[in-house]
Amino acid sequence: MTFDKQSEIKSPSDMSAVLNQLWTKFLPEIYERVATLESAAQASAAGNMTQEHREAAHSAAHKLAGSLGTFSLPRGTELAREFEQACVSEKSYKAAQSGRLTAIAAEIRTIIDSRK
């Protein structure tokens, strides 16, 4: 997205409009990242967590933490950071924690759905 002199942001409502445009543009990518978290949580619950799942979930959670904060969704950022931290080591994916990972992914999806 480029801005010329005529599209300068002059007020908070202008900024809000720009953020809404960016949200719409990046929403499919955001949902893909949530799907990655959901997939990792399901693999964890089934005891089938692989290094690939863990790395993909770590990356997706990290990116979600940043982007959700940009769009004024601080709770989403907190949850994404929690998921990201759970991906740091293989021991984090114990079956007992898989329920928490599933809950985090579900809550992030709810937060995103409510932003639309």
PDB file of N, CA and C in Angstrom:
ATOM      1  N   MET A   1       0.851  -1.162   0.000  1.00  0.00           N
ATOM      2  CA  MET A   1       0.000   0.000   0.000  1.00  0.00           C
ATOM      3  C   MET A   1       0.898   1.225   0.000  1.00  0.00           C
ATOM      4  N   THR A   2       0.651   2.138  -0.910  1.00  0.00           N
ATOM      5  CA  THR A   2       1.435   3.366  -0.962  1.00  0.00           C
ATOM      6  C   THR A   2       0.541   4.547  -0.666  1.00  0.00           C
ATOM      7  N   PHE A   3       1.158   5.588  -0.189  1.00  0.00           N
ATOM      8  CA  PHE A   3       0.418   6.790   0.151  1.00  0.00           C
ATOM      9  C   PHE A   3       1.020   7.954  -0.599  1.00  0.00           C
ATOM     10  N   ASP A   4       0.181   8.731  -1.251  1.00  0.00           N
ATOM     11  CA  ASP A   4       0.659   9.947  -1.891  1.00  0.00           C
ATOM     12  C   ASP A   4       0.198  11.129  -1.055  1.00  0.00           C
ATOM     13  N   LYS A   5       0.509  12.336  -1.491  1.00  0.00           N
ATOM     14  CA  LYS A   5       0.166  13.536  -0.714  1.00  0.00           C
ATOM     15  C   LYS A   5      -1.331  13.638  -0.464  1.00  0.00           C
ATOM     16  N   GLN A   6      -2.144  13.178  -1.392  1.00  0.00           N
ATOM     17  CA  GLN A   6      -3.591  13.282  -1.235  1.00  0.00           C
ATOM     18  C   GLN A   6      -4.126  12.294  -0.209  1.00  0.00           C
ATOM     19  N   SER A   7      -3.372  11.242   0.084  1.00  0.00           N
ATOM     20  CA  SER A   7      -3.867  10.237   1.027  1.00  0.00           C
ATOM     21  C   SER A   7      -3.146  10.308   2.372  1.00  0.00           C
ATOM     22  N   GLU A   8      -2.606  11.454   2.694  1.00  0.00           N
ATOM     23  CA  GLU A   8      -1.941  11.616   3.983  1.00  0.00           C
ATOM     24  C   GLU A   8      -2.921  11.366   5.121  1.00  0.00           C
ATOM     25  N   ILE A   9      -2.406  10.808   6.188  1.00  0.00           N
ATOM     26  CA  ILE A   9      -3.218  10.562   7.375  1.00  0.00           C
ATOM     27  C   ILE A   9      -3.277  11.865   8.152  1.00  0.00           C
ATOM     28  N   LYS A  10      -4.479  12.398   8.282  1.00  0.00           N
ATOM     29  CA  LYS A  10      -4.655  13.705   8.912  1.00  0.00           C
ATOM     30  C   LYS A  10      -5.402  13.655  10.235  1.00  0.00           C
ATOM     31  N   SER A  11      -6.017  12.529  10.524  1.00  0.00           N
ATOM     32  CA  SER A  11      -6.797  12.449  11.755  1.00  0.00           C
ATOM     33  C   SER A  11      -6.809  11.013  12.262  1.00  0.00           C
ATOM     34  N   PRO A  12      -7.237  10.831  13.509  1.00  0.00           N
ATOM     35  CA  PRO A  12      -7.349   9.468  14.035  1.00  0.00           C
ATOM     36  C   PRO A  12      -8.291   8.596  13.200  1.00  0.00           C
ATOM     37  N   SER A  13      -9.333   9.187  12.648  1.00  0.00           N
ATOM     38  CA  SER A  13     -10.244   8.382  11.826  1.00  0.00           C
ATOM     39  C   SER A  13      -9.563   7.941  10.533  1.00  0.00           C
ATOM     40  N   ASP A  14      -8.647   8.789  10.010  1.00  0.00           N
ATOM     41  CA  ASP A  14      -7.872   8.383   8.841  1.00  0.00           C
ATOM     42  C   ASP A  14      -6.994   7.183   9.191  1.00  0.00           C
ATOM     43  N   MET A  15      -6.351   7.244  10.364  1.00  0.00           N
ATOM     44  CA  MET A  15      -5.501   6.144  10.803  1.00  0.00           C
ATOM     45  C   MET A  15      -6.318   4.881  10.994  1.00  0.00           C
ATOM     46  N   SER A  16      -7.489   5.019  11.557  1.00  0.00           N
ATOM     47  CA  SER A  16      -8.368   3.874  11.747  1.00  0.00           C
ATOM     48  C   SER A  16      -8.752   3.252  10.410  1.00  0.00           C
ATOM     49  N   ALA A  17      -9.035   4.085   9.430  1.00  0.00           N
ATOM     50  CA  ALA A  17      -9.396   3.587   8.102  1.00  0.00           C
ATOM     51  C   ALA A  17      -8.230   2.829   7.473  1.00  0.00           C
ATOM     52  N   VAL A  18      -7.027   3.360   7.631  1.00  0.00           N
ATOM     53  CA  VAL A  18      -5.846   2.695   7.088  1.00  0.00           C
ATOM     54  C   VAL A  18      -5.631   1.352   7.779  1.00  0.00           C
ATOM     55  N   LEU A  19      -5.757   1.325   9.104  1.00  0.00           N
ATOM     56  CA  LEU A  19      -5.604   0.065   9.835  1.00  0.00           C
ATOM     57  C   LEU A  19      -6.654  -0.954   9.410  1.00  0.00           C
ATOM     58  N   ASN A  20      -7.872  -0.498   9.187  1.00  0.00           N
ATOM     59  CA  ASN A  20      -8.926  -1.412   8.737  1.00  0.00           C
ATOM     60  C   ASN A  20      -8.613  -1.983   7.359  1.00  0.00           C
ATOM     61  N   GLN A  21      -8.055  -1.163   6.475  1.00  0.00           N
ATOM     62  CA  GLN A  21      -7.661  -1.650   5.146  1.00  0.00           C
ATOM     63  C   GLN A  21      -6.550  -2.691   5.268  1.00  0.00           C
ATOM     64  N   LEU A  22      -5.581  -2.406   6.120  1.00  0.00           N
ATOM     65  CA  LEU A  22      -4.489  -3.353   6.324  1.00  0.00           C
ATOM     66  C   LEU A  22      -4.995  -4.648   6.954  1.00  0.00           C
ATOM     67  N   TRP A  23      -5.921  -4.532   7.886  1.00  0.00           N
ATOM     68  CA  TRP A  23      -6.512  -5.712   8.526  1.00  0.00           C
ATOM     69  C   TRP A  23      -7.153  -6.603   7.473  1.00  0.00           C
ATOM     70  N   THR A  24      -7.932  -5.997   6.608  1.00  0.00           N
ATOM     71  CA  THR A  24      -8.605  -6.753   5.556  1.00  0.00           C
ATOM     72  C   THR A  24      -7.583  -7.421   4.637  1.00  0.00           C
ATOM     73  N   LYS A  25      -6.544  -6.705   4.312  1.00  0.00           N
ATOM     74  CA  LYS A  25      -5.507  -7.237   3.427  1.00  0.00           C
ATOM     75  C   LYS A  25      -4.789  -8.436   4.046  1.00  0.00           C
ATOM     76  N   PHE A  26      -4.463  -8.347   5.338  1.00  0.00           N
ATOM     77  CA  PHE A  26      -3.662  -9.382   5.981  1.00  0.00           C
ATOM     78  C   PHE A  26      -4.474 -10.450   6.707  1.00  0.00           C
ATOM     79  N   LEU A  27      -5.788 -10.325   6.743  1.00  0.00           N
ATOM     80  CA  LEU A  27      -6.622 -11.286   7.468  1.00  0.00           C
ATOM     81  C   LEU A  27      -6.435 -12.730   6.993  1.00  0.00           C
ATOM     82  N   PRO A  28      -6.380 -12.996   5.694  1.00  0.00           N
ATOM     83  CA  PRO A  28      -6.154 -14.393   5.293  1.00  0.00           C
ATOM     84  C   PRO A  28      -4.839 -14.967   5.836  1.00  0.00           C
ATOM     85  N   GLU A  29      -3.801 -14.173   5.850  1.00  0.00           N
ATOM     86  CA  GLU A  29      -2.510 -14.605   6.384  1.00  0.00           C
ATOM     87  C   GLU A  29      -2.604 -14.838   7.894  1.00  0.00           C
ATOM     88  N   ILE A  30      -3.327 -13.980   8.576  1.00  0.00           N
ATOM     89  CA  ILE A  30      -3.518 -14.124  10.020  1.00  0.00           C
ATOM     90  C   ILE A  30      -4.254 -15.431  10.315  1.00  0.00           C
ATOM     91  N   TYR A  31      -5.294 -15.716   9.541  1.00  0.00           N
ATOM     92  CA  TYR A  31      -6.028 -16.974   9.738  1.00  0.00           C
ATOM     93  C   TYR A  31      -5.160 -18.193   9.440  1.00  0.00           C
ATOM     94  N   GLU A  32      -4.271 -18.099   8.469  1.00  0.00           N
ATOM     95  CA  GLU A  32      -3.352 -19.204   8.184  1.00  0.00           C
ATOM     96  C   GLU A  32      -2.457 -19.473   9.393  1.00  0.00           C
ATOM     97  N   ARG A  33      -2.018 -18.415  10.034  1.00  0.00           N
ATOM     98  CA  ARG A  33      -1.166 -18.575  11.217  1.00  0.00           C
ATOM     99  C   ARG A  33      -1.929 -19.212  12.372  1.00  0.00           C
ATOM    100  N   VAL A  34      -3.184 -18.817  12.537  1.00  0.00           N
ATOM    101  CA  VAL A  34      -4.006 -19.436  13.584  1.00  0.00           C
ATOM    102  C   VAL A  34      -4.206 -20.917  13.274  1.00  0.00           C
ATOM    103  N   ALA A  35      -4.433 -21.243  12.014  1.00  0.00           N
ATOM    104  CA  ALA A  35      -4.592 -22.646  11.617  1.00  0.00           C
ATOM    105  C   ALA A  35      -3.332 -23.447  11.938  1.00  0.00           C
ATOM    106  N   THR A  36      -2.176 -22.832  11.793  1.00  0.00           N
ATOM    107  CA  THR A  36      -0.914 -23.492  12.141  1.00  0.00           C
ATOM    108  C   THR A  36      -0.868 -23.791  13.634  1.00  0.00           C
ATOM    109  N   LEU A  37      -1.314 -22.834  14.454  1.00  0.00           N
ATOM    110  CA  LEU A  37      -1.367 -23.066  15.903  1.00  0.00           C
ATOM    111  C   LEU A  37      -2.346 -24.193  16.234  1.00  0.00           C
ATOM    112  N   GLU A  38      -3.501 -24.164  15.598  1.00  0.00           N
ATOM    113  CA  GLU A  38      -4.513 -25.197  15.847  1.00  0.00           C
ATOM    114  C   GLU A  38      -3.982 -26.580  15.468  1.00  0.00           C
ATOM    115  N   SER A  39      -3.292 -26.649  14.349  1.00  0.00           N
ATOM    116  CA  SER A  39      -2.725 -27.921  13.900  1.00  0.00           C
ATOM    117  C   SER A  39      -1.677 -28.437  14.881  1.00  0.00           C
ATOM    118  N   ALA A  40      -0.834 -27.552  15.358  1.00  0.00           N
ATOM    119  CA  ALA A  40       0.184 -27.955  16.334  1.00  0.00           C
ATOM    120  C   ALA A  40      -0.462 -28.417  17.638  1.00  0.00           C
ATOM    121  N   ALA A  41      -1.488 -27.710  18.073  1.00  0.00           N
ATOM    122  CA  ALA A  41      -2.186 -28.098  19.305  1.00  0.00           C
ATOM    123  C   ALA A  41      -2.831 -29.476  19.144  1.00  0.00           C
ATOM    124  N   GLN A  42      -3.417 -29.732  17.977  1.00  0.00           N
ATOM    125  CA  GLN A  42      -4.029 -31.043  17.722  1.00  0.00           C
ATOM    126  C   GLN A  42      -2.968 -32.145  17.694  1.00  0.00           C
ATOM    127  N   ALA A  43      -1.843 -31.856  17.065  1.00  0.00           N
ATOM    128  CA  ALA A  43      -0.762 -32.842  17.027  1.00  0.00           C
ATOM    129  C   ALA A  43      -0.249 -33.124  18.433  1.00  0.00           C
ATOM    130  N   SER A  44      -0.151 -32.089  19.244  1.00  0.00           N
ATOM    131  CA  SER A  44       0.283 -32.257  20.619  1.00  0.00           C
ATOM    132  C   SER A  44      -0.688 -33.142  21.388  1.00  0.00           C
ATOM    133  N   ALA A  45      -1.974 -32.865  21.229  1.00  0.00           N
ATOM    134  CA  ALA A  45      -2.992 -33.648  21.938  1.00  0.00           C
ATOM    135  C   ALA A  45      -2.962 -35.114  21.520  1.00  0.00           C
ATOM    136  N   ALA A  46      -2.636 -35.367  20.248  1.00  0.00           N
ATOM    137  CA  ALA A  46      -2.595 -36.734  19.742  1.00  0.00           C
ATOM    138  C   ALA A  46      -1.254 -37.416  20.015  1.00  0.00           C
ATOM    139  N   GLY A  47      -0.310 -36.660  20.582  1.00  0.00           N
ATOM    140  CA  GLY A  47       1.006 -37.223  20.843  1.00  0.00           C
ATOM    141  C   GLY A  47       1.854 -37.352  19.593  1.00  0.00           C
ATOM    142  N   ASN A  48       1.502 -36.600  18.555  1.00  0.00           N
ATOM    143  CA  ASN A  48       2.211 -36.680  17.280  1.00  0.00           C
ATOM    144  C   ASN A  48       2.989 -35.412  16.955  1.00  0.00           C
ATOM    145  N   MET A  49       3.418 -34.692  17.964  1.00  0.00           N
ATOM    146  CA  MET A  49       4.135 -33.443  17.736  1.00  0.00           C
ATOM    147  C   MET A  49       5.486 -33.724  17.111  1.00  0.00           C
ATOM    148  N   THR A  50       5.760 -33.065  16.004  1.00  0.00           N
ATOM    149  CA  THR A  50       7.056 -33.200  15.353  1.00  0.00           C
ATOM    150  C   THR A  50       7.835 -31.894  15.509  1.00  0.00           C
ATOM    151  N   GLN A  51       9.108 -31.953  15.202  1.00  0.00           N
ATOM    152  CA  GLN A  51       9.939 -30.754  15.217  1.00  0.00           C
ATOM    153  C   GLN A  51       9.386 -29.739  14.211  1.00  0.00           C
ATOM    154  N   GLU A  52       8.912 -30.218  13.089  1.00  0.00           N
ATOM    155  CA  GLU A  52       8.334 -29.335  12.063  1.00  0.00           C
ATOM    156  C   GLU A  52       7.105 -28.601  12.589  1.00  0.00           C
ATOM    157  N   HIS A  53       6.220 -29.313  13.291  1.00  0.00           N
ATOM    158  CA  HIS A  53       5.043 -28.672  13.904  1.00  0.00           C
ATOM    159  C   HIS A  53       5.478 -27.579  14.873  1.00  0.00           C
ATOM    160  N   ARG A  54       6.441 -27.938  15.708  1.00  0.00           N
ATOM    161  CA  ARG A  54       6.895 -27.012  16.749  1.00  0.00           C
ATOM    162  C   ARG A  54       7.497 -25.754  16.135  1.00  0.00           C
ATOM    163  N   GLU A  55       8.331 -25.916  15.140  1.00  0.00           N
ATOM    164  CA  GLU A  55       8.960 -24.765  14.500  1.00  0.00           C
ATOM    165  C   GLU A  55       7.945 -23.897  13.761  1.00  0.00           C
ATOM    166  N   ALA A  56       7.008 -24.536  13.066  1.00  0.00           N
ATOM    167  CA  ALA A  56       5.979 -23.778  12.345  1.00  0.00           C
ATOM    168  C   ALA A  56       5.090 -23.012  13.323  1.00  0.00           C
ATOM    169  N   ALA A  57       4.730 -23.651  14.430  1.00  0.00           N
ATOM    170  CA  ALA A  57       3.886 -22.999  15.429  1.00  0.00           C
ATOM    171  C   ALA A  57       4.631 -21.855  16.102  1.00  0.00           C
ATOM    172  N   HIS A  58       5.901 -22.047  16.384  1.00  0.00           N
ATOM    173  CA  HIS A  58       6.709 -20.992  16.997  1.00  0.00           C
ATOM    174  C   HIS A  58       6.735 -19.770  16.093  1.00  0.00           C
ATOM    175  N   SER A  59       7.003 -19.984  14.811  1.00  0.00           N
ATOM    176  CA  SER A  59       7.059 -18.881  13.849  1.00  0.00           C
ATOM    177  C   SER A  59       5.701 -18.189  13.715  1.00  0.00           C
ATOM    178  N   ALA A  60       4.643 -18.975  13.596  1.00  0.00           N
ATOM    179  CA  ALA A  60       3.299 -18.404  13.450  1.00  0.00           C
ATOM    180  C   ALA A  60       2.905 -17.613  14.695  1.00  0.00           C
ATOM    181  N   ALA A  61       3.194 -18.150  15.866  1.00  0.00           N
ATOM    182  CA  ALA A  61       2.850 -17.459  17.113  1.00  0.00           C
ATOM    183  C   ALA A  61       3.626 -16.158  17.238  1.00  0.00           C
ATOM    184  N   HIS A  62       4.891 -16.192  16.878  1.00  0.00           N
ATOM    185  CA  HIS A  62       5.715 -14.985  16.941  1.00  0.00           C
ATOM    186  C   HIS A  62       5.150 -13.889  16.034  1.00  0.00           C
ATOM    187  N   LYS A  63       4.800 -14.252  14.823  1.00  0.00           N
ATOM    188  CA  LYS A  63       4.246 -13.281  13.869  1.00  0.00           C
ATOM    189  C   LYS A  63       2.878 -12.776  14.322  1.00  0.00           C
ATOM    190  N   LEU A  64       2.069 -13.666  14.877  1.00  0.00           N
ATOM    191  CA  LEU A  64       0.767 -13.243  15.396  1.00  0.00           C
ATOM    192  C   LEU A  64       0.916 -12.274  16.559  1.00  0.00           C
ATOM    193  N   ALA A  65       1.869 -12.528  17.423  1.00  0.00           N
ATOM    194  CA  ALA A  65       2.074 -11.638  18.573  1.00  0.00           C
ATOM    195  C   ALA A  65       2.304 -10.211  18.100  1.00  0.00           C
ATOM    196  N   GLY A  66       3.110 -10.051  17.085  1.00  0.00           N
ATOM    197  CA  GLY A  66       3.375  -8.712  16.556  1.00  0.00           C
ATOM    198  C   GLY A  66       2.205  -8.115  15.822  1.00  0.00           C
ATOM    199  N   SER A  67       1.613  -8.885  14.940  1.00  0.00           N
ATOM    200  CA  SER A  67       0.541  -8.316  14.120  1.00  0.00           C
ATOM    201  C   SER A  67      -0.719  -8.025  14.928  1.00  0.00           C
ATOM    202  N   LEU A  68      -1.056  -8.860  15.879  1.00  0.00           N
ATOM    203  CA  LEU A  68      -2.271  -8.601  16.666  1.00  0.00           C
ATOM    204  C   LEU A  68      -2.112  -7.357  17.526  1.00  0.00           C
ATOM    205  N   GLY A  69      -0.912  -7.108  18.005  1.00  0.00           N
ATOM    206  CA  GLY A  69      -0.648  -5.875  18.748  1.00  0.00           C
ATOM    207  C   GLY A  69      -0.805  -4.655  17.862  1.00  0.00           C
ATOM    208  N   THR A  70      -0.348  -4.755  16.633  1.00  0.00           N
ATOM    209  CA  THR A  70      -0.476  -3.654  15.674  1.00  0.00           C
ATOM    210  C   THR A  70      -1.934  -3.278  15.465  1.00  0.00           C
ATOM    211  N   PHE A  71      -2.792  -4.280  15.504  1.00  0.00           N
ATOM    212  CA  PHE A  71      -4.219  -4.041  15.263  1.00  0.00           C
ATOM    213  C   PHE A  71      -5.008  -3.895  16.562  1.00  0.00           C
ATOM    214  N   SER A  72      -4.331  -3.476  17.613  1.00  0.00           N
ATOM    215  CA  SER A  72      -4.968  -3.168  18.901  1.00  0.00           C
ATOM    216  C   SER A  72      -5.698  -4.360  19.512  1.00  0.00           C
ATOM    217  N   LEU A  73      -5.058  -5.507  19.447  1.00  0.00           N
ATOM    218  CA  LEU A  73      -5.607  -6.712  20.065  1.00  0.00           C
ATOM    219  C   LEU A  73      -4.585  -7.252  21.080  1.00  0.00           C
ATOM    220  N   PRO A  74      -4.399  -6.508  22.192  1.00  0.00           N
ATOM    221  CA  PRO A  74      -3.345  -6.881  23.144  1.00  0.00           C
ATOM    222  C   PRO A  74      -3.533  -8.265  23.768  1.00  0.00           C
ATOM    223  N   ARG A  75      -4.756  -8.690  23.983  1.00  0.00           N
ATOM    224  CA  ARG A  75      -4.974 -10.027  24.550  1.00  0.00           C
ATOM    225  C   ARG A  75      -4.504 -11.090  23.561  1.00  0.00           C
ATOM    226  N   GLY A  76      -4.736 -10.862  22.292  1.00  0.00           N
ATOM    227  CA  GLY A  76      -4.246 -11.780  21.272  1.00  0.00           C
ATOM    228  C   GLY A  76      -2.735 -11.863  21.281  1.00  0.00           C
ATOM    229  N   THR A  77      -2.095 -10.718  21.470  1.00  0.00           N
ATOM    230  CA  THR A  77      -0.633 -10.685  21.550  1.00  0.00           C
ATOM    231  C   THR A  77      -0.141 -11.496  22.743  1.00  0.00           C
ATOM    232  N   GLU A  78      -0.773 -11.318  23.896  1.00  0.00           N
ATOM    233  CA  GLU A  78      -0.388 -12.069  25.099  1.00  0.00           C
ATOM    234  C   GLU A  78      -0.505 -13.576  24.876  1.00  0.00           C
ATOM    235  N   LEU A  79      -1.618 -13.972  24.298  1.00  0.00           N
ATOM    236  CA  LEU A  79      -1.846 -15.395  24.057  1.00  0.00           C
ATOM    237  C   LEU A  79      -0.850 -15.962  23.048  1.00  0.00           C
ATOM    238  N   ALA A  80      -0.596 -15.213  21.987  1.00  0.00           N
ATOM    239  CA  ALA A  80       0.359 -15.673  20.976  1.00  0.00           C
ATOM    240  C   ALA A  80       1.751 -15.818  21.587  1.00  0.00           C
ATOM    241  N   ARG A  81       2.118 -14.893  22.468  1.00  0.00           N
ATOM    242  CA  ARG A  81       3.419 -14.997  23.140  1.00  0.00           C
ATOM    243  C   ARG A  81       3.474 -16.232  24.043  1.00  0.00           C
ATOM    244  N   GLU A  82       2.368 -16.525  24.704  1.00  0.00           N
ATOM    245  CA  GLU A  82       2.327 -17.725  25.549  1.00  0.00           C
ATOM    246  C   GLU A  82       2.520 -18.980  24.697  1.00  0.00           C
ATOM    247  N   PHE A  83       1.841 -19.020  23.558  1.00  0.00           N
ATOM    248  CA  PHE A  83       1.973 -20.170  22.656  1.00  0.00           C
ATOM    249  C   PHE A  83       3.418 -20.255  22.149  1.00  0.00           C
ATOM    250  N   GLU A  84       3.964 -19.107  21.785  1.00  0.00           N
ATOM    251  CA  GLU A  84       5.342 -19.060  21.289  1.00  0.00           C
ATOM    252  C   GLU A  84       6.312 -19.637  22.329  1.00  0.00           C
ATOM    253  N   GLN A  85       6.135 -19.236  23.588  1.00  0.00           N
ATOM    254  CA  GLN A  85       7.004 -19.724  24.659  1.00  0.00           C
ATOM    255  C   GLN A  85       6.867 -21.245  24.836  1.00  0.00           C
ATOM    256  N   ALA A  86       5.679 -21.741  24.625  1.00  0.00           N
ATOM    257  CA  ALA A  86       5.452 -23.183  24.752  1.00  0.00           C
ATOM    258  C   ALA A  86       6.178 -23.956  23.652  1.00  0.00           C
ATOM    259  N   CYS A  87       6.526 -23.271  22.589  1.00  0.00           N
ATOM    260  CA  CYS A  87       7.198 -23.919  21.455  1.00  0.00           C
ATOM    261  C   CYS A  87       8.715 -23.939  21.589  1.00  0.00           C
ATOM    262  N   VAL A  88       9.229 -23.343  22.624  1.00  0.00           N
ATOM    263  CA  VAL A  88      10.678 -23.197  22.758  1.00  0.00           C
ATOM    264  C   VAL A  88      11.374 -24.551  22.896  1.00  0.00           C
ATOM    265  N   SER A  89      10.783 -25.454  23.615  1.00  0.00           N
ATOM    266  CA  SER A  89      11.431 -26.756  23.767  1.00  0.00           C
ATOM    267  C   SER A  89      10.430 -27.875  23.544  1.00  0.00           C
ATOM    268  N   GLU A  90      10.947 -29.022  23.189  1.00  0.00           N
ATOM    269  CA  GLU A  90      10.085 -30.180  22.963  1.00  0.00           C
ATOM    270  C   GLU A  90       9.341 -30.576  24.230  1.00  0.00           C
ATOM    271  N   LYS A  91       9.934 -30.351  25.373  1.00  0.00           N
ATOM    272  CA  LYS A  91       9.303 -30.710  26.642  1.00  0.00           C
ATOM    273  C   LYS A  91       8.052 -29.887  26.898  1.00  0.00           C
ATOM    274  N   SER A  92       7.937 -28.735  26.242  1.00  0.00           N
ATOM    275  CA  SER A  92       6.775 -27.879  26.436  1.00  0.00           C
ATOM    276  C   SER A  92       5.498 -28.505  25.887  1.00  0.00           C
ATOM    277  N   TYR A  93       5.661 -29.462  24.992  1.00  0.00           N
ATOM    278  CA  TYR A  93       4.501 -30.061  24.350  1.00  0.00           C
ATOM    279  C   TYR A  93       4.042 -31.340  25.040  1.00  0.00           C
ATOM    280  N   LYS A  94       4.082 -31.363  26.317  1.00  0.00           N
ATOM    281  CA  LYS A  94       3.582 -32.510  27.057  1.00  0.00           C
ATOM    282  C   LYS A  94       2.065 -32.586  26.874  1.00  0.00           C
ATOM    283  N   ALA A  95       1.544 -33.764  26.954  1.00  0.00           N
ATOM    284  CA  ALA A  95       0.108 -33.961  26.761  1.00  0.00           C
ATOM    285  C   ALA A  95      -0.720 -33.108  27.713  1.00  0.00           C
ATOM    286  N   ALA A  96      -0.215 -32.895  28.909  1.00  0.00           N
ATOM    287  CA  ALA A  96      -0.955 -32.095  29.884  1.00  0.00           C
ATOM    288  C   ALA A  96      -1.121 -30.659  29.407  1.00  0.00           C
ATOM    289  N   GLN A  97      -0.195 -30.161  28.605  1.00  0.00           N
ATOM    290  CA  GLN A  97      -0.271 -28.787  28.128  1.00  0.00           C
ATOM    291  C   GLN A  97      -1.029 -28.661  26.810  1.00  0.00           C
ATOM    292  N   SER A  98      -1.299 -29.759  26.165  1.00  0.00           N
ATOM    293  CA  SER A  98      -1.964 -29.685  24.865  1.00  0.00           C
ATOM    294  C   SER A  98      -3.343 -29.038  24.984  1.00  0.00           C
ATOM    295  N   GLY A  99      -4.023 -29.267  26.100  1.00  0.00           N
ATOM    296  CA  GLY A  99      -5.323 -28.623  26.308  1.00  0.00           C
ATOM    297  C   GLY A  99      -5.190 -27.108  26.372  1.00  0.00           C
ATOM    298  N   ARG A 100      -4.133 -26.648  26.994  1.00  0.00           N
ATOM    299  CA  ARG A 100      -3.894 -25.201  27.074  1.00  0.00           C
ATOM    300  C   ARG A 100      -3.584 -24.640  25.692  1.00  0.00           C
ATOM    301  N   LEU A 101      -2.806 -25.345  24.902  1.00  0.00           N
ATOM    302  CA  LEU A 101      -2.491 -24.883  23.551  1.00  0.00           C
ATOM    303  C   LEU A 101      -3.755 -24.791  22.697  1.00  0.00           C
ATOM    304  N   THR A 102      -4.619 -25.777  22.838  1.00  0.00           N
ATOM    305  CA  THR A 102      -5.894 -25.763  22.109  1.00  0.00           C
ATOM    306  C   THR A 102      -6.736 -24.572  22.539  1.00  0.00           C
ATOM    307  N   ALA A 103      -6.775 -24.309  23.834  1.00  0.00           N
ATOM    308  CA  ALA A 103      -7.547 -23.171  24.353  1.00  0.00           C
ATOM    309  C   ALA A 103      -6.978 -21.839  23.868  1.00  0.00           C
ATOM    310  N   ILE A 104      -5.659 -21.725  23.828  1.00  0.00           N
ATOM    311  CA  ILE A 104      -5.037 -20.488  23.348  1.00  0.00           C
ATOM    312  C   ILE A 104      -5.405 -20.250  21.885  1.00  0.00           C
ATOM    313  N   ALA A 105      -5.245 -21.268  21.067  1.00  0.00           N
ATOM    314  CA  ALA A 105      -5.561 -21.128  19.639  1.00  0.00           C
ATOM    315  C   ALA A 105      -7.026 -20.741  19.442  1.00  0.00           C
ATOM    316  N   ALA A 106      -7.917 -21.364  20.199  1.00  0.00           N
ATOM    317  CA  ALA A 106      -9.346 -21.054  20.078  1.00  0.00           C
ATOM    318  C   ALA A 106      -9.639 -19.616  20.497  1.00  0.00           C
ATOM    319  N   GLU A 107      -9.003 -19.164  21.575  1.00  0.00           N
ATOM    320  CA  GLU A 107      -9.244 -17.797  22.032  1.00  0.00           C
ATOM    321  C   GLU A 107      -8.684 -16.777  21.041  1.00  0.00           C
ATOM    322  N   ILE A 108      -7.532 -17.072  20.463  1.00  0.00           N
ATOM    323  CA  ILE A 108      -6.986 -16.170  19.446  1.00  0.00           C
ATOM    324  C   ILE A 108      -7.939 -16.073  18.267  1.00  0.00           C
ATOM    325  N   ARG A 109      -8.480 -17.210  17.821  1.00  0.00           N
ATOM    326  CA  ARG A 109      -9.439 -17.195  16.704  1.00  0.00           C
ATOM    327  C   ARG A 109     -10.662 -16.351  17.069  1.00  0.00           C
ATOM    328  N   THR A 110     -11.159 -16.475  18.281  1.00  0.00           N
ATOM    329  CA  THR A 110     -12.319 -15.690  18.729  1.00  0.00           C
ATOM    330  C   THR A 110     -12.000 -14.196  18.722  1.00  0.00           C
ATOM    331  N   ILE A 111     -10.822 -13.851  19.183  1.00  0.00           N
ATOM    332  CA  ILE A 111     -10.406 -12.434  19.197  1.00  0.00           C
ATOM    333  C   ILE A 111     -10.353 -11.895  17.779  1.00  0.00           C
ATOM    334  N   ILE A 112      -9.783 -12.663  16.869  1.00  0.00           N
ATOM    335  CA  ILE A 112      -9.693 -12.229  15.477  1.00  0.00           C
ATOM    336  C   ILE A 112     -11.079 -12.102  14.866  1.00  0.00           C
ATOM    337  N   ASP A 113     -11.943 -13.071  15.120  1.00  0.00           N
ATOM    338  CA  ASP A 113     -13.306 -13.011  14.597  1.00  0.00           C
ATOM    339  C   ASP A 113     -14.054 -11.780  15.092  1.00  0.00           C
ATOM    340  N   SER A 114     -13.775 -11.385  16.330  1.00  0.00           N
ATOM    341  CA  SER A 114     -14.484 -10.235  16.903  1.00  0.00           C
ATOM    342  C   SER A 114     -13.963  -8.897  16.355  1.00  0.00           C
ATOM    343  N   ARG A 115     -12.783  -8.888  15.728  1.00  0.00           N
ATOM    344  CA  ARG A 115     -12.190  -7.664  15.191  1.00  0.00           C
ATOM    345  C   ARG A 115     -12.789  -7.283  13.837  1.00  0.00           C
ATOM    346  N   LYS A 116     -13.322  -8.255  13.138  1.00  0.00           N
ATOM    347  CA  LYS A 116     -13.799  -8.026  11.770  1.00  0.00           C
ATOM    348  C   LYS A 116     -14.606  -6.794  11.642  1.00  0.00           C
TER     349      LYS A 116
END
